[in-house]
Amino acid sequence: MQVGLHKTYYAASVSHDEAVALLNYLTQEGFFVSDGEVNMHLGKNGSTYELRFIIKTGLENDPETVTQMQQLGALLSADVFGGSLVDIHLCDQDLKTLRVVVIP
């Protein structure tokens, strides 16, 4: 799915409706504030949603980025995924996980 430059890919473990709800929520909440492209992948492992974002290498160790992703995970859990856990994977250009951010 795509809105402007922003693409959301999703695994077979996630329904189309769940992916649409994620994209709509992020768009409505102003997550896509830059003109740059944002690519993400939504999957599910058991009852935990896994959202993968491609980020600039090094940002996975930035405390502000990690805090923002923890907050985003908590919001997505509450507002989009009915209280299910959400792990945010900060990934390189090949979607290889550099760091997993979990809700504290």
Protein backbone atom coordinates (compact mmCIF):
# COMPACT_ATOMS: atom_id res chain seq x y z
CA MET A 1 0.00 0.00 0.00
CA GLN A 2 1.19 3.51 -0.64
CA VAL A 3 0.25 7.03 0.43
CA GLY A 4 2.41 9.58 -1.35
CA LEU A 5 6.02 8.49 -0.93
CA HIS A 6 5.17 6.29 2.05
CA LYS A 7 4.91 2.55 1.52
CA THR A 8 3.62 -0.10 3.88
CA TYR A 9 4.33 -3.74 3.19
CA TYR A 10 2.73 -6.44 5.27
CA ALA A 11 3.21 -10.14 5.90
CA ALA A 12 0.60 -12.84 5.42
CA SER A 13 0.24 -12.96 9.22
CA VAL A 14 -1.37 -9.49 9.07
CA SER A 15 -4.67 -8.66 7.43
CA HIS A 16 -5.09 -5.97 4.82
CA ASP A 17 -7.43 -4.16 7.21
CA GLU A 18 -4.75 -4.10 9.93
CA ALA A 19 -2.20 -2.64 7.50
CA VAL A 20 -4.71 -0.02 6.33
CA ALA A 21 -5.52 0.89 9.95
CA LEU A 22 -1.80 1.38 10.65
CA LEU A 23 -1.24 3.55 7.60
CA ASN A 24 -4.37 5.61 8.26
CA TYR A 25 -3.40 6.15 11.90
CA LEU A 26 0.16 7.24 11.09
CA THR A 27 -1.11 9.58 8.39
CA GLN A 28 -3.82 11.06 10.63
CA GLU A 29 -1.38 11.57 13.52
CA GLY A 30 1.09 13.42 11.30
CA PHE A 31 3.80 10.78 11.46
CA PHE A 32 4.75 11.49 7.85
CA VAL A 33 5.84 15.08 8.39
CA SER A 34 8.86 15.08 6.09
CA ASP A 35 8.92 15.01 2.32
CA GLY A 36 11.22 11.98 2.43
CA GLU A 37 10.13 8.46 1.68
CA VAL A 38 9.12 6.22 4.60
CA ASN A 39 9.06 2.47 4.07
CA MET A 40 7.79 0.07 6.69
CA HIS A 41 6.87 -3.56 7.03
CA LEU A 42 4.18 -4.89 9.35
CA GLY A 43 4.25 -8.48 10.52
CA LYS A 44 3.00 -10.50 13.43
CA ASN A 45 4.78 -13.08 15.54
CA GLY A 46 2.20 -14.87 17.67
CA SER A 47 0.16 -12.07 19.22
CA THR A 48 2.94 -9.46 18.94
CA TYR A 49 2.95 -7.04 16.01
CA GLU A 50 6.36 -6.28 14.51
CA LEU A 51 6.73 -2.98 12.73
CA ARG A 52 9.97 -2.54 10.78
CA PHE A 53 11.27 0.90 9.82
CA ILE A 54 14.24 1.60 7.59
CA ILE A 55 16.39 4.17 9.39
CA LYS A 56 19.73 5.84 8.89
CA THR A 57 22.46 3.64 10.38
CA GLY A 58 23.45 4.93 13.79
CA LEU A 59 19.99 6.17 14.78
CA GLU A 60 19.29 2.80 16.38
CA ASN A 61 21.63 3.93 19.18
CA ASP A 62 20.18 7.43 19.54
CA PRO A 63 18.32 7.68 22.88
CA GLU A 64 15.79 10.19 21.49
CA THR A 65 14.95 7.90 18.56
CA VAL A 66 14.56 4.91 20.88
CA THR A 67 12.27 6.89 23.22
CA GLN A 68 10.15 8.09 20.29
CA MET A 69 9.80 4.53 18.99
CA GLN A 70 8.79 3.28 22.46
CA GLN A 71 6.11 5.96 22.58
CA LEU A 72 4.97 5.10 19.06
CA GLY A 73 4.76 1.40 19.96
CA ALA A 74 2.61 2.20 23.00
CA LEU A 75 0.28 4.42 20.93
CA LEU A 76 -0.06 1.81 18.19
CA SER A 77 -0.78 -0.88 20.77
CA ALA A 78 -3.54 1.19 22.37
CA ASP A 79 -5.01 2.96 19.34
CA VAL A 80 -4.59 0.53 16.44
CA PHE A 81 -3.95 -3.02 17.64
CA GLY A 82 -6.38 -3.40 20.55
CA GLY A 83 -3.76 -3.58 23.30
CA SER A 84 -1.56 -6.18 21.59
CA LEU A 85 2.18 -5.81 22.04
CA VAL A 86 4.06 -3.91 19.34
CA ASP A 87 7.80 -4.30 18.80
CA ILE A 88 9.47 -1.69 16.61
CA HIS A 89 12.40 -2.99 14.55
CA LEU A 90 14.88 -0.32 13.47
CA CYS A 91 16.35 -1.69 10.24
CA ASP A 92 18.99 -1.05 7.61
CA GLN A 93 18.20 -0.59 3.90
CA ASP A 94 17.77 -4.36 3.48
CA LEU A 95 15.26 -4.56 6.38
CA LYS A 96 17.86 -6.30 8.54
CA THR A 97 17.07 -5.52 12.17
CA LEU A 98 19.65 -3.30 13.85
CA ARG A 99 17.71 -2.95 17.10
CA VAL A 100 14.35 -4.00 18.49
CA VAL A 101 12.54 -1.40 20.57
CA VAL A 102 9.92 -2.84 22.90
CA ILE A 103 7.34 -1.04 25.02
CA PRO A 104 8.76 -0.78 28.56
